Amino acid sequence: MSNFIRIANCIFKKGEFILTPQQLFIYSYLYRFRHNYKQEWINNTTINNILSTIGCRIDGTRSKKKISILEDLLILREKHFISIDRVNDNVPIKNDEYLSIAISEEHISSKFTQIDYDIFDLFGDRDKYWFYCFIATSGIYGKEVSYSKMSELSGLSSSTLRVKVIETMNNVHSKPRIYKFSGSYVVDNEEIEQEPNRYFIRLENDPDSFYNLDFYNKLYDEEGNPKIKKQKKNRKLKDSDVVFHPLFNNITVSDLKEYIEESNWGKYEEWAGGLKVYENLGYDDYATYRTCVDYGVDSKFTERCKKSIEMMKQPFLKHKYNYCNWEEWENQYIEESKSKLELN
């Protein structure tokens, strides 16, 4: 038996399978304390026992808490996260009735996130646990997300998320900890806007990792505030509008689109036997990609590049693309963009 809980990623997507923080905590509790009965992993328990041992806040009086737990169990069953084996399912469930509860494989057969048992055991707050799992779904790359989006998915108010959850978890004394990095400032039509914050469940100290502590220390102060501002960013640009490219300076959007066509992203030669040999990427290709990101040009191209970068960083492919100096290129791009902003 593995020592982690499998959390289906669909739980955090708007739709029929979304769960509240309490429902997610109850599901994880049932998963964490399963036992092997006749070669089947189940949780043989009662409503009374769940209330006594779950270890997180359930609102209301004791009787209302039991009703709340039962309602969430039925929702989890209805959404196919669990199954409940009873002799007569037409009879209402009593608080002292033993229920054989099994975790359904339907949602965790494909895309899921692993939450170690020892991590789950640290939580006594269902809201913080929801937030931790939500951020964990993006792995080492973290998640850039607004308070309003998290509020919509969790059912928690933005102020509760910001003050009672995120601020307390973004603290050296929090176990486990969430790392928050404030969104970069963007100059747009002479007004300064701030992008959504980015959150991590951990920071990679591996120097090959794009998101590592040393890298972020160059960009953010000890309070997590951005040290620099991005260059001017327009969301809707015409082909005749001028943008700044670190290698080609001030160019039109039309010229930038030509550089996209000339870049090595996704280009390859097909050798004998159908073998595809991709062109090597350089800083010029990366700078074109990042310029498009900053100015909102050709989102399909930037999304394709982003996915390629994530794939090339995978352990089983990294040795083939070790010439790609992602962190060095990103630092160079930021420094050159910063210099241009300061000159303006």
C-alpha atoms as a PDB file:
ATOM      1  CA  MET A   1       0.000   0.000   0.000  1.00  0.00           C
ATOM      2  CA  SER A   2       1.324   3.448  -0.971  1.00  0.00           C
ATOM      3  CA  ASN A   3       1.802   6.088   1.711  1.00  0.00           C
ATOM      4  CA  PHE A   4      -0.001   8.893  -0.069  1.00  0.00           C
ATOM      5  CA  ILE A   5      -3.516  10.067  -0.841  1.00  0.00           C
ATOM      6  CA  ARG A   6      -4.471  10.372  -4.486  1.00  0.00           C
ATOM      7  CA  ILE A   7      -6.348  13.635  -5.034  1.00  0.00           C
ATOM      8  CA  ALA A   8      -8.174  13.825  -8.367  1.00  0.00           C
ATOM      9  CA  ASN A   9      -7.340  17.076 -10.175  1.00  0.00           C
ATOM     10  CA  CYS A  10     -10.972  17.438 -11.313  1.00  0.00           C
ATOM     11  CA  ILE A  11     -11.831  18.397  -7.720  1.00  0.00           C
ATOM     12  CA  PHE A  12     -10.379  21.867  -8.405  1.00  0.00           C
ATOM     13  CA  LYS A  13     -12.025  22.488 -11.773  1.00  0.00           C
ATOM     14  CA  LYS A  14     -15.366  24.199 -12.052  1.00  0.00           C
ATOM     15  CA  GLY A  15     -17.933  21.537 -12.842  1.00  0.00           C
ATOM     16  CA  GLU A  16     -19.860  18.606 -11.458  1.00  0.00           C
ATOM     17  CA  PHE A  17     -16.942  17.032  -9.547  1.00  0.00           C
ATOM     18  CA  ILE A  18     -15.804  20.063  -7.553  1.00  0.00           C
ATOM     19  CA  LEU A  19     -15.625  19.528  -3.769  1.00  0.00           C
ATOM     20  CA  THR A  20     -15.843  21.922  -0.846  1.00  0.00           C
ATOM     21  CA  PRO A  21     -12.914  22.059   1.623  1.00  0.00           C
ATOM     22  CA  GLN A  22     -14.877  19.937   4.117  1.00  0.00           C
ATOM     23  CA  GLN A  23     -15.787  17.329   1.516  1.00  0.00           C
ATOM     24  CA  LEU A  24     -12.163  17.137   0.375  1.00  0.00           C
ATOM     25  CA  PHE A  25     -10.972  16.706   3.969  1.00  0.00           C
ATOM     26  CA  ILE A  26     -13.497  13.942   4.684  1.00  0.00           C
ATOM     27  CA  TYR A  27     -12.518  12.150   1.468  1.00  0.00           C
ATOM     28  CA  SER A  28      -8.819  12.382   2.372  1.00  0.00           C
ATOM     29  CA  TYR A  29      -9.506  11.189   5.916  1.00  0.00           C
ATOM     30  CA  LEU A  30     -11.331   8.115   4.599  1.00  0.00           C
ATOM     31  CA  TYR A  31      -8.486   7.430   2.167  1.00  0.00           C
ATOM     32  CA  ARG A  32      -5.793   7.936   4.814  1.00  0.00           C
ATOM     33  CA  PHE A  33      -7.293   5.501   7.324  1.00  0.00           C
ATOM     34  CA  ARG A  34      -8.359   2.673   5.029  1.00  0.00           C
ATOM     35  CA  HIS A  35      -7.631  -0.881   6.116  1.00  0.00           C
ATOM     36  CA  ASN A  36      -7.372  -4.127   4.224  1.00  0.00           C
ATOM     37  CA  TYR A  37     -10.460  -6.262   4.757  1.00  0.00           C
ATOM     38  CA  LYS A  38     -10.415  -9.489   2.713  1.00  0.00           C
ATOM     39  CA  GLN A  39      -8.136  -8.004   0.025  1.00  0.00           C
ATOM     40  CA  GLU A  40     -10.211  -4.846  -0.280  1.00  0.00           C
ATOM     41  CA  TRP A  41      -9.108  -1.487   1.048  1.00  0.00           C
ATOM     42  CA  ILE A  42     -12.071   0.002   2.917  1.00  0.00           C
ATOM     43  CA  ASN A  43     -12.842   2.236   5.866  1.00  0.00           C
ATOM     44  CA  ASN A  44     -15.249   0.467   8.219  1.00  0.00           C
ATOM     45  CA  THR A  45     -16.582   3.300  10.369  1.00  0.00           C
ATOM     46  CA  THR A  46     -19.610   5.216  11.687  1.00  0.00           C
ATOM     47  CA  ILE A  47     -20.729   8.847  11.567  1.00  0.00           C
ATOM     48  CA  ASN A  48     -20.014   9.066  15.309  1.00  0.00           C
ATOM     49  CA  ASN A  49     -16.490   7.745  14.803  1.00  0.00           C
ATOM     50  CA  ILE A  50     -15.743  10.132  11.948  1.00  0.00           C
ATOM     51  CA  LEU A  51     -16.822  13.104  14.065  1.00  0.00           C
ATOM     52  CA  SER A  52     -14.644  11.950  16.991  1.00  0.00           C
ATOM     53  CA  THR A  53     -11.464  11.285  14.992  1.00  0.00           C
ATOM     54  CA  ILE A  54     -11.425  13.430  11.862  1.00  0.00           C
ATOM     55  CA  GLY A  55      -9.386  16.197  13.491  1.00  0.00           C
ATOM     56  CA  CYS A  56     -10.755  19.190  11.571  1.00  0.00           C
ATOM     57  CA  ARG A  57     -13.413  21.780  12.366  1.00  0.00           C
ATOM     58  CA  ILE A  58     -17.003  20.852  11.554  1.00  0.00           C
ATOM     59  CA  ASP A  59     -19.382  23.772  12.082  1.00  0.00           C
ATOM     60  CA  GLY A  60     -22.550  23.643  14.195  1.00  0.00           C
ATOM     61  CA  THR A  61     -23.815  21.776  17.235  1.00  0.00           C
ATOM     62  CA  ARG A  62     -22.912  18.125  17.700  1.00  0.00           C
ATOM     63  CA  SER A  63     -26.122  16.927  16.043  1.00  0.00           C
ATOM     64  CA  LYS A  64     -25.694  19.349  13.147  1.00  0.00           C
ATOM     65  CA  LYS A  65     -22.087  18.223  12.707  1.00  0.00           C
ATOM     66  CA  LYS A  66     -23.268  14.636  12.263  1.00  0.00           C
ATOM     67  CA  ILE A  67     -25.853  15.735   9.716  1.00  0.00           C
ATOM     68  CA  SER A  68     -23.173  17.697   7.865  1.00  0.00           C
ATOM     69  CA  ILE A  69     -20.820  14.689   7.730  1.00  0.00           C
ATOM     70  CA  LEU A  70     -23.592  12.422   6.464  1.00  0.00           C
ATOM     71  CA  GLU A  71     -24.588  14.922   3.780  1.00  0.00           C
ATOM     72  CA  ASP A  72     -20.980  15.148   2.597  1.00  0.00           C
ATOM     73  CA  LEU A  73     -20.635  11.363   2.500  1.00  0.00           C
ATOM     74  CA  LEU A  74     -23.707  11.147   0.301  1.00  0.00           C
ATOM     75  CA  ILE A  75     -22.344  13.878  -1.981  1.00  0.00           C
ATOM     76  CA  LEU A  76     -19.016  12.053  -2.247  1.00  0.00           C
ATOM     77  CA  ARG A  77     -20.916   8.913  -3.195  1.00  0.00           C
ATOM     78  CA  GLU A  78     -23.127  10.765  -5.667  1.00  0.00           C
ATOM     79  CA  LYS A  79     -20.050  12.226  -7.368  1.00  0.00           C
ATOM     80  CA  HIS A  80     -18.394   8.766  -7.470  1.00  0.00           C
ATOM     81  CA  PHE A  81     -15.496   9.541  -5.142  1.00  0.00           C
ATOM     82  CA  ILE A  82     -16.532   6.786  -2.719  1.00  0.00           C
ATOM     83  CA  SER A  83     -18.891   3.821  -2.535  1.00  0.00           C
ATOM     84  CA  ILE A  84     -20.861   2.837   0.568  1.00  0.00           C
ATOM     85  CA  ASP A  85     -21.754  -0.841   1.000  1.00  0.00           C
ATOM     86  CA  ARG A  86     -24.929  -1.399   3.044  1.00  0.00           C
ATOM     87  CA  VAL A  87     -27.378  -4.283   3.413  1.00  0.00           C
ATOM     88  CA  ASN A  88     -30.397  -2.071   2.782  1.00  0.00           C
ATOM     89  CA  ASP A  89     -29.657   1.250   1.136  1.00  0.00           C
ATOM     90  CA  ASN A  90     -33.276   2.350   1.335  1.00  0.00           C
ATOM     91  CA  VAL A  91     -33.086   2.687   5.119  1.00  0.00           C
ATOM     92  CA  PRO A  92     -31.737   6.050   6.434  1.00  0.00           C
ATOM     93  CA  ILE A  93     -28.174   5.892   7.758  1.00  0.00           C
ATOM     94  CA  LYS A  94     -27.936   6.077  11.541  1.00  0.00           C
ATOM     95  CA  ASN A  95     -25.086   7.744  13.379  1.00  0.00           C
ATOM     96  CA  ASP A  96     -23.919   4.484  14.985  1.00  0.00           C
ATOM     97  CA  GLU A  97     -24.315   2.299  11.888  1.00  0.00           C
ATOM     98  CA  TYR A  98     -21.100   0.751  10.608  1.00  0.00           C
ATOM     99  CA  LEU A  99     -20.474   1.709   6.990  1.00  0.00           C
ATOM    100  CA  SER A 100     -18.067  -0.040   4.629  1.00  0.00           C
ATOM    101  CA  ILE A 101     -16.660   2.845   2.616  1.00  0.00           C
ATOM    102  CA  ALA A 102     -14.322   2.252  -0.344  1.00  0.00           C
ATOM    103  CA  ILE A 103     -12.491   4.826  -2.445  1.00  0.00           C
ATOM    104  CA  SER A 104     -13.643   4.840  -6.067  1.00  0.00           C
ATOM    105  CA  GLU A 105     -10.962   4.562  -8.768  1.00  0.00           C
ATOM    106  CA  GLU A 106     -13.036   6.509 -11.297  1.00  0.00           C
ATOM    107  CA  HIS A 107     -11.475   9.944 -10.828  1.00  0.00           C
ATOM    108  CA  ILE A 108      -7.971   8.871  -9.800  1.00  0.00           C
ATOM    109  CA  SER A 109      -7.283   6.506 -12.665  1.00  0.00           C
ATOM    110  CA  SER A 110      -5.685   9.288 -14.708  1.00  0.00           C
ATOM    111  CA  LYS A 111      -4.901  12.799 -13.491  1.00  0.00           C
ATOM    112  CA  PHE A 112      -4.294  13.022  -9.766  1.00  0.00           C
ATOM    113  CA  THR A 113      -1.921  14.609  -7.247  1.00  0.00           C
ATOM    114  CA  GLN A 114      -0.159  12.730  -4.462  1.00  0.00           C
ATOM    115  CA  ILE A 115      -0.447  14.070  -0.914  1.00  0.00           C
ATOM    116  CA  ASP A 116       1.790  12.163   1.478  1.00  0.00           C
ATOM    117  CA  TYR A 117       0.205  10.794   4.629  1.00  0.00           C
ATOM    118  CA  ASP A 118       2.655  12.697   6.829  1.00  0.00           C
ATOM    119  CA  ILE A 119       1.618  15.938   5.085  1.00  0.00           C
ATOM    120  CA  PHE A 120      -2.093  15.248   5.582  1.00  0.00           C
ATOM    121  CA  ASP A 121      -1.451  14.441   9.251  1.00  0.00           C
ATOM    122  CA  LEU A 122      -0.153  17.991   9.780  1.00  0.00           C
ATOM    123  CA  PHE A 123      -3.507  19.559   8.936  1.00  0.00           C
ATOM    124  CA  GLY A 124      -6.274  20.370  11.369  1.00  0.00           C
ATOM    125  CA  ASP A 125      -7.770  23.090   9.181  1.00  0.00           C
ATOM    126  CA  ARG A 126      -9.870  22.010   6.201  1.00  0.00           C
ATOM    127  CA  ASP A 127      -9.497  25.383   4.407  1.00  0.00           C
ATOM    128  CA  LYS A 128      -5.703  25.306   4.579  1.00  0.00           C
ATOM    129  CA  TYR A 129      -5.723  21.705   3.410  1.00  0.00           C
ATOM    130  CA  TRP A 130      -7.865  22.618   0.385  1.00  0.00           C
ATOM    131  CA  PHE A 131      -5.480  25.441  -0.501  1.00  0.00           C
ATOM    132  CA  TYR A 132      -2.416  23.213  -0.120  1.00  0.00           C
ATOM    133  CA  CYS A 133      -3.900  20.504  -2.377  1.00  0.00           C
ATOM    134  CA  PHE A 134      -5.019  23.097  -4.920  1.00  0.00           C
ATOM    135  CA  ILE A 135      -1.492  24.500  -5.257  1.00  0.00           C
ATOM    136  CA  ALA A 136       0.029  21.001  -5.217  1.00  0.00           C
ATOM    137  CA  THR A 137      -1.796  20.117  -8.445  1.00  0.00           C
ATOM    138  CA  SER A 138       0.724  22.258 -10.367  1.00  0.00           C
ATOM    139  CA  GLY A 139       3.828  20.579  -8.928  1.00  0.00           C
ATOM    140  CA  ILE A 140       7.179  22.347  -8.889  1.00  0.00           C
ATOM    141  CA  TYR A 141       6.006  25.077 -11.281  1.00  0.00           C
ATOM    142  CA  GLY A 142       3.546  26.463  -8.782  1.00  0.00           C
ATOM    143  CA  LYS A 143       0.241  28.111  -9.606  1.00  0.00           C
ATOM    144  CA  GLU A 144      -0.463  31.697 -10.614  1.00  0.00           C
ATOM    145  CA  VAL A 145      -4.006  32.429  -9.493  1.00  0.00           C
ATOM    146  CA  SER A 146      -6.153  35.271  -8.204  1.00  0.00           C
ATOM    147  CA  TYR A 147      -8.047  35.395  -4.914  1.00  0.00           C
ATOM    148  CA  SER A 148     -11.334  35.658  -6.809  1.00  0.00           C
ATOM    149  CA  LYS A 149     -10.640  32.464  -8.758  1.00  0.00           C
ATOM    150  CA  MET A 150      -9.787  30.520  -5.593  1.00  0.00           C
ATOM    151  CA  SER A 151     -12.869  31.938  -3.890  1.00  0.00           C
ATOM    152  CA  GLU A 152     -15.041  30.748  -6.770  1.00  0.00           C
ATOM    153  CA  LEU A 153     -13.608  27.204  -6.610  1.00  0.00           C
ATOM    154  CA  SER A 154     -13.488  26.768  -2.830  1.00  0.00           C
ATOM    155  CA  GLY A 155     -16.585  28.668  -1.731  1.00  0.00           C
ATOM    156  CA  LEU A 156     -14.437  30.624   0.731  1.00  0.00           C
ATOM    157  CA  SER A 157     -14.417  34.410   0.746  1.00  0.00           C
ATOM    158  CA  SER A 158     -11.384  36.201  -0.689  1.00  0.00           C
ATOM    159  CA  SER A 159     -10.658  37.769   2.709  1.00  0.00           C
ATOM    160  CA  THR A 160     -10.725  34.371   4.445  1.00  0.00           C
ATOM    161  CA  LEU A 161      -8.313  32.973   1.864  1.00  0.00           C
ATOM    162  CA  ARG A 162      -5.982  35.949   2.096  1.00  0.00           C
ATOM    163  CA  VAL A 163      -5.920  36.502   5.874  1.00  0.00           C
ATOM    164  CA  LYS A 164      -6.755  33.182   7.544  1.00  0.00           C
ATOM    165  CA  VAL A 165      -5.230  30.804   5.025  1.00  0.00           C
ATOM    166  CA  ILE A 166      -2.511  32.259   2.802  1.00  0.00           C
ATOM    167  CA  GLU A 167      -0.946  34.802   5.167  1.00  0.00           C
ATOM    168  CA  THR A 168      -0.629  32.215   7.946  1.00  0.00           C
ATOM    169  CA  MET A 169       0.734  29.519   5.631  1.00  0.00           C
ATOM    170  CA  ASN A 170       3.240  31.834   3.938  1.00  0.00           C
ATOM    171  CA  ASN A 171       5.276  31.831   7.123  1.00  0.00           C
ATOM    172  CA  VAL A 172       8.489  30.083   8.176  1.00  0.00           C
ATOM    173  CA  HIS A 173       6.691  28.638  11.213  1.00  0.00           C
ATOM    174  CA  SER A 174       3.857  27.086   9.191  1.00  0.00           C
ATOM    175  CA  LYS A 175       3.978  23.317   8.755  1.00  0.00           C
ATOM    176  CA  PRO A 176       3.539  22.645   5.953  1.00  0.00           C
ATOM    177  CA  ARG A 177       4.396  25.951   4.377  1.00  0.00           C
ATOM    178  CA  ILE A 178       3.137  27.670   1.249  1.00  0.00           C
ATOM    179  CA  TYR A 179       5.483  30.061  -0.569  1.00  0.00           C
ATOM    180  CA  LYS A 180       3.772  33.143  -1.992  1.00  0.00           C
ATOM    181  CA  PHE A 181       5.394  35.422  -4.553  1.00  0.00           C
ATOM    182  CA  SER A 182       3.546  38.614  -5.332  1.00  0.00           C
ATOM    183  CA  GLY A 183       2.575  39.134  -8.960  1.00  0.00           C
ATOM    184  CA  SER A 184       4.873  41.260 -11.095  1.00  0.00           C
ATOM    185  CA  TYR A 185       3.935  44.852 -11.781  1.00  0.00           C
ATOM    186  CA  VAL A 186       3.058  45.653 -15.372  1.00  0.00           C
ATOM    187  CA  VAL A 187       2.973  49.120 -16.919  1.00  0.00           C
ATOM    188  CA  ASP A 188      -0.080  49.171 -19.156  1.00  0.00           C
ATOM    189  CA  ASN A 189      -1.255  52.375 -20.829  1.00  0.00           C
ATOM    190  CA  GLU A 190       0.725  54.379 -18.251  1.00  0.00           C
ATOM    191  CA  GLU A 191      -1.096  52.615 -15.412  1.00  0.00           C
ATOM    192  CA  ILE A 192       0.583  50.092 -13.124  1.00  0.00           C
ATOM    193  CA  GLU A 193      -1.260  46.820 -12.702  1.00  0.00           C
ATOM    194  CA  GLN A 194      -0.275  43.773 -10.669  1.00  0.00           C
ATOM    195  CA  GLU A 195      -0.543  40.246 -12.008  1.00  0.00           C
ATOM    196  CA  PRO A 196      -1.915  37.422  -9.806  1.00  0.00           C
ATOM    197  CA  ASN A 197       0.353  35.991  -7.125  1.00  0.00           C
ATOM    198  CA  ARG A 198       2.176  32.707  -7.704  1.00  0.00           C
ATOM    199  CA  TYR A 199       2.226  30.002  -5.027  1.00  0.00           C
ATOM    200  CA  PHE A 200       4.448  26.973  -4.420  1.00  0.00           C
ATOM    201  CA  ILE A 201       4.214  24.115  -1.954  1.00  0.00           C
ATOM    202  CA  ARG A 202       7.998  23.939  -2.018  1.00  0.00           C
ATOM    203  CA  LEU A 203      10.972  25.652  -3.631  1.00  0.00           C
ATOM    204  CA  GLU A 204      13.410  23.644  -5.685  1.00  0.00           C
ATOM    205  CA  ASN A 205      17.046  24.252  -4.734  1.00  0.00           C
ATOM    206  CA  ASP A 206      18.203  22.322  -7.778  1.00  0.00           C
ATOM    207  CA  PRO A 207      20.162  24.877  -9.897  1.00  0.00           C
ATOM    208  CA  ASP A 208      18.618  23.354 -13.039  1.00  0.00           C
ATOM    209  CA  SER A 209      15.151  24.166 -11.799  1.00  0.00           C
ATOM    210  CA  PHE A 210      13.628  27.338 -13.269  1.00  0.00           C
ATOM    211  CA  TYR A 211      11.697  28.003 -10.075  1.00  0.00           C
ATOM    212  CA  ASN A 212      14.286  27.793  -7.315  1.00  0.00           C
ATOM    213  CA  LEU A 213      15.038  29.833  -4.245  1.00  0.00           C
ATOM    214  CA  ASP A 214      18.221  31.510  -5.563  1.00  0.00           C
ATOM    215  CA  PHE A 215      16.449  32.592  -8.711  1.00  0.00           C
ATOM    216  CA  TYR A 216      13.527  34.134  -6.844  1.00  0.00           C
ATOM    217  CA  ASN A 217      15.796  35.899  -4.375  1.00  0.00           C
ATOM    218  CA  LYS A 218      17.069  37.898  -7.345  1.00  0.00           C
ATOM    219  CA  LEU A 219      13.551  39.031  -8.183  1.00  0.00           C
ATOM    220  CA  TYR A 220      11.791  39.416  -4.815  1.00  0.00           C
ATOM    221  CA  ASP A 221      12.620  40.911  -1.456  1.00  0.00           C
ATOM    222  CA  GLU A 222      12.190  39.130   1.895  1.00  0.00           C
ATOM    223  CA  GLU A 223       8.514  40.117   2.040  1.00  0.00           C
ATOM    224  CA  GLY A 224       7.830  38.554  -1.339  1.00  0.00           C
ATOM    225  CA  ASN A 225       7.413  41.892  -3.119  1.00  0.00           C
ATOM    226  CA  PRO A 226       8.723  42.230  -6.693  1.00  0.00           C
ATOM    227  CA  LYS A 227      12.042  44.048  -6.982  1.00  0.00           C
ATOM    228  CA  ILE A 228      11.504  44.996 -10.612  1.00  0.00           C
ATOM    229  CA  LYS A 229       8.701  46.018 -12.911  1.00  0.00           C
ATOM    230  CA  LYS A 230       8.071  44.463 -16.294  1.00  0.00           C
ATOM    231  CA  GLN A 231       8.189  46.548 -19.425  1.00  0.00           C
ATOM    232  CA  LYS A 232       5.134  48.108 -20.998  1.00  0.00           C
ATOM    233  CA  LYS A 233       2.534  45.515 -21.875  1.00  0.00           C
ATOM    234  CA  ASN A 234      -0.438  46.050 -24.173  1.00  0.00           C
ATOM    235  CA  ARG A 235      -3.077  43.362 -24.311  1.00  0.00           C
ATOM    236  CA  LYS A 236      -4.522  44.269 -27.720  1.00  0.00           C
ATOM    237  CA  LEU A 237      -1.864  45.373 -30.171  1.00  0.00           C
ATOM    238  CA  LYS A 238      -2.088  46.141 -33.873  1.00  0.00           C
ATOM    239  CA  ASP A 239       0.523  44.914 -36.361  1.00  0.00           C
ATOM    240  CA  SER A 240       1.802  48.483 -36.668  1.00  0.00           C
ATOM    241  CA  ASP A 241       2.326  48.938 -32.898  1.00  0.00           C
ATOM    242  CA  VAL A 242       5.909  48.990 -31.616  1.00  0.00           C
ATOM    243  CA  VAL A 243       7.253  46.574 -28.984  1.00  0.00           C
ATOM    244  CA  PHE A 244      10.671  46.065 -27.440  1.00  0.00           C
ATOM    245  CA  HIS A 245      12.626  42.897 -28.248  1.00  0.00           C
ATOM    246  CA  PRO A 246      15.922  42.467 -26.314  1.00  0.00           C
ATOM    247  CA  LEU A 247      17.860  41.514 -29.463  1.00  0.00           C
ATOM    248  CA  PHE A 248      16.150  43.667 -32.077  1.00  0.00           C
ATOM    249  CA  ASN A 249      15.142  46.647 -29.937  1.00  0.00           C
ATOM    250  CA  ASN A 250      12.028  48.533 -31.071  1.00  0.00           C
ATOM    251  CA  ILE A 251      10.162  46.520 -33.689  1.00  0.00           C
ATOM    252  CA  THR A 252       6.589  46.349 -34.926  1.00  0.00           C
ATOM    253  CA  VAL A 253       4.246  43.537 -33.959  1.00  0.00           C
ATOM    254  CA  SER A 254       4.309  42.527 -37.626  1.00  0.00           C
ATOM    255  CA  ASP A 255       8.104  42.146 -37.431  1.00  0.00           C
ATOM    256  CA  LEU A 256       7.763  40.151 -34.211  1.00  0.00           C
ATOM    257  CA  LYS A 257       5.424  37.731 -35.955  1.00  0.00           C
ATOM    258  CA  GLU A 258       8.051  37.243 -38.660  1.00  0.00           C
ATOM    259  CA  TYR A 259      10.641  36.414 -35.988  1.00  0.00           C
ATOM    260  CA  ILE A 260       8.186  33.824 -34.651  1.00  0.00           C
ATOM    261  CA  GLU A 261       8.094  32.191 -38.090  1.00  0.00           C
ATOM    262  CA  GLU A 262      11.900  32.280 -38.321  1.00  0.00           C
ATOM    263  CA  SER A 263      12.487  30.868 -34.812  1.00  0.00           C
ATOM    264  CA  ASN A 264      13.529  27.241 -34.229  1.00  0.00           C
ATOM    265  CA  TRP A 265      10.558  26.422 -31.981  1.00  0.00           C
ATOM    266  CA  GLY A 266       9.109  23.103 -33.160  1.00  0.00           C
ATOM    267  CA  LYS A 267      11.206  22.914 -36.350  1.00  0.00           C
ATOM    268  CA  TYR A 268      12.817  19.609 -37.254  1.00  0.00           C
ATOM    269  CA  GLU A 269      14.373  17.528 -40.007  1.00  0.00           C
ATOM    270  CA  GLU A 270      12.959  14.089 -40.710  1.00  0.00           C
ATOM    271  CA  TRP A 271      15.686  11.484 -41.150  1.00  0.00           C
ATOM    272  CA  ALA A 272      15.546   7.924 -42.419  1.00  0.00           C
ATOM    273  CA  GLY A 273      13.039   5.743 -40.615  1.00  0.00           C
ATOM    274  CA  GLY A 274      10.852   8.730 -39.735  1.00  0.00           C
ATOM    275  CA  LEU A 275      13.242   9.976 -37.001  1.00  0.00           C
ATOM    276  CA  LYS A 276      12.604  13.638 -36.207  1.00  0.00           C
ATOM    277  CA  VAL A 277      15.667  15.706 -35.275  1.00  0.00           C
ATOM    278  CA  TYR A 278      14.617  19.051 -33.796  1.00  0.00           C
ATOM    279  CA  GLU A 279      16.561  22.268 -34.348  1.00  0.00           C
ATOM    280  CA  ASN A 280      18.510  23.519 -31.333  1.00  0.00           C
ATOM    281  CA  LEU A 281      17.037  26.477 -29.486  1.00  0.00           C
ATOM    282  CA  GLY A 282      19.035  29.553 -28.536  1.00  0.00           C
ATOM    283  CA  TYR A 283      18.577  32.719 -26.536  1.00  0.00           C
ATOM    284  CA  ASP A 284      17.159  34.468 -29.603  1.00  0.00           C
ATOM    285  CA  ASP A 285      14.335  31.906 -29.731  1.00  0.00           C
ATOM    286  CA  TYR A 286      13.698  32.250 -25.992  1.00  0.00           C
ATOM    287  CA  ALA A 287      13.716  36.067 -26.169  1.00  0.00           C
ATOM    288  CA  THR A 288      11.137  35.981 -28.962  1.00  0.00           C
ATOM    289  CA  TYR A 289       8.931  33.695 -26.895  1.00  0.00           C
ATOM    290  CA  ARG A 290       9.222  35.908 -23.771  1.00  0.00           C
ATOM    291  CA  THR A 291       8.567  39.098 -25.742  1.00  0.00           C
ATOM    292  CA  CYS A 292       5.355  37.545 -27.023  1.00  0.00           C
ATOM    293  CA  VAL A 293       4.414  36.600 -23.458  1.00  0.00           C
ATOM    294  CA  ASP A 294       4.969  40.127 -22.146  1.00  0.00           C
ATOM    295  CA  TYR A 295       3.013  41.804 -24.936  1.00  0.00           C
ATOM    296  CA  GLY A 296       0.272  39.198 -25.290  1.00  0.00           C
ATOM    297  CA  VAL A 297       1.163  38.396 -28.900  1.00  0.00           C
ATOM    298  CA  ASP A 298       0.189  35.021 -30.437  1.00  0.00           C
ATOM    299  CA  SER A 299      -1.071  33.133 -27.380  1.00  0.00           C
ATOM    300  CA  LYS A 300      -1.106  29.831 -29.295  1.00  0.00           C
ATOM    301  CA  PHE A 301       2.623  30.179 -29.988  1.00  0.00           C
ATOM    302  CA  THR A 302       3.487  31.094 -26.380  1.00  0.00           C
ATOM    303  CA  GLU A 303       1.378  28.271 -24.972  1.00  0.00           C
ATOM    304  CA  ARG A 304       3.079  25.796 -27.318  1.00  0.00           C
ATOM    305  CA  CYS A 305       6.505  27.078 -26.236  1.00  0.00           C
ATOM    306  CA  LYS A 306       5.578  26.863 -22.557  1.00  0.00           C
ATOM    307  CA  LYS A 307       4.496  23.244 -22.919  1.00  0.00           C
ATOM    308  CA  SER A 308       7.703  22.445 -24.814  1.00  0.00           C
ATOM    309  CA  ILE A 309       9.825  23.956 -22.051  1.00  0.00           C
ATOM    310  CA  GLU A 310       7.992  21.974 -19.374  1.00  0.00           C
ATOM    311  CA  MET A 311       8.455  18.779 -21.374  1.00  0.00           C
ATOM    312  CA  MET A 312      12.169  19.390 -22.006  1.00  0.00           C
ATOM    313  CA  LYS A 313      12.730  19.830 -18.270  1.00  0.00           C
ATOM    314  CA  GLN A 314      11.392  16.366 -17.508  1.00  0.00           C
ATOM    315  CA  PRO A 315      14.097  14.053 -16.061  1.00  0.00           C
ATOM    316  CA  PHE A 316      13.810  11.535 -18.886  1.00  0.00           C
ATOM    317  CA  LEU A 317      14.413  14.230 -21.529  1.00  0.00           C
ATOM    318  CA  LYS A 318      16.593  16.786 -19.724  1.00  0.00           C
ATOM    319  CA  HIS A 319      19.847  15.172 -20.872  1.00  0.00           C
ATOM    320  CA  LYS A 320      18.852  15.827 -24.504  1.00  0.00           C
ATOM    321  CA  TYR A 321      18.228  19.510 -23.867  1.00  0.00           C
ATOM    322  CA  ASN A 322      20.906  20.357 -21.323  1.00  0.00           C
ATOM    323  CA  TYR A 323      22.122  23.051 -23.710  1.00  0.00           C
ATOM    324  CA  CYS A 324      18.948  25.029 -22.963  1.00  0.00           C
ATOM    325  CA  ASN A 325      19.984  27.463 -20.222  1.00  0.00           C
ATOM    326  CA  TRP A 326      16.464  28.405 -19.146  1.00  0.00           C
ATOM    327  CA  GLU A 327      17.418  30.236 -15.970  1.00  0.00           C
ATOM    328  CA  GLU A 328      20.308  32.074 -17.579  1.00  0.00           C
ATOM    329  CA  TRP A 329      18.144  33.096 -20.528  1.00  0.00           C
ATOM    330  CA  GLU A 330      15.345  34.263 -18.244  1.00  0.00           C
ATOM    331  CA  ASN A 331      17.737  36.347 -16.122  1.00  0.00           C
ATOM    332  CA  GLN A 332      19.255  37.866 -19.260  1.00  0.00           C
ATOM    333  CA  TYR A 333      15.831  38.693 -20.646  1.00  0.00           C
ATOM    334  CA  ILE A 334      14.724  40.314 -17.382  1.00  0.00           C
ATOM    335  CA  GLU A 335      17.885  42.387 -17.074  1.00  0.00           C
ATOM    336  CA  GLU A 336      17.628  43.645 -20.659  1.00  0.00           C
ATOM    337  CA  SER A 337      13.917  44.381 -20.255  1.00  0.00           C
ATOM    338  CA  LYS A 338      14.586  46.156 -16.969  1.00  0.00           C
ATOM    339  CA  SER A 339      17.240  48.340 -18.582  1.00  0.00           C
ATOM    340  CA  LYS A 340      14.831  49.358 -21.301  1.00  0.00           C
ATOM    341  CA  LEU A 341      12.112  50.200 -18.738  1.00  0.00           C
ATOM    342  CA  GLU A 342      14.521  52.320 -16.710  1.00  0.00           C
ATOM    343  CA  LEU A 343      15.593  54.216 -19.840  1.00  0.00           C
ATOM    344  CA  ASN A 344      11.970  55.039 -20.550  1.00  0.00           C
END
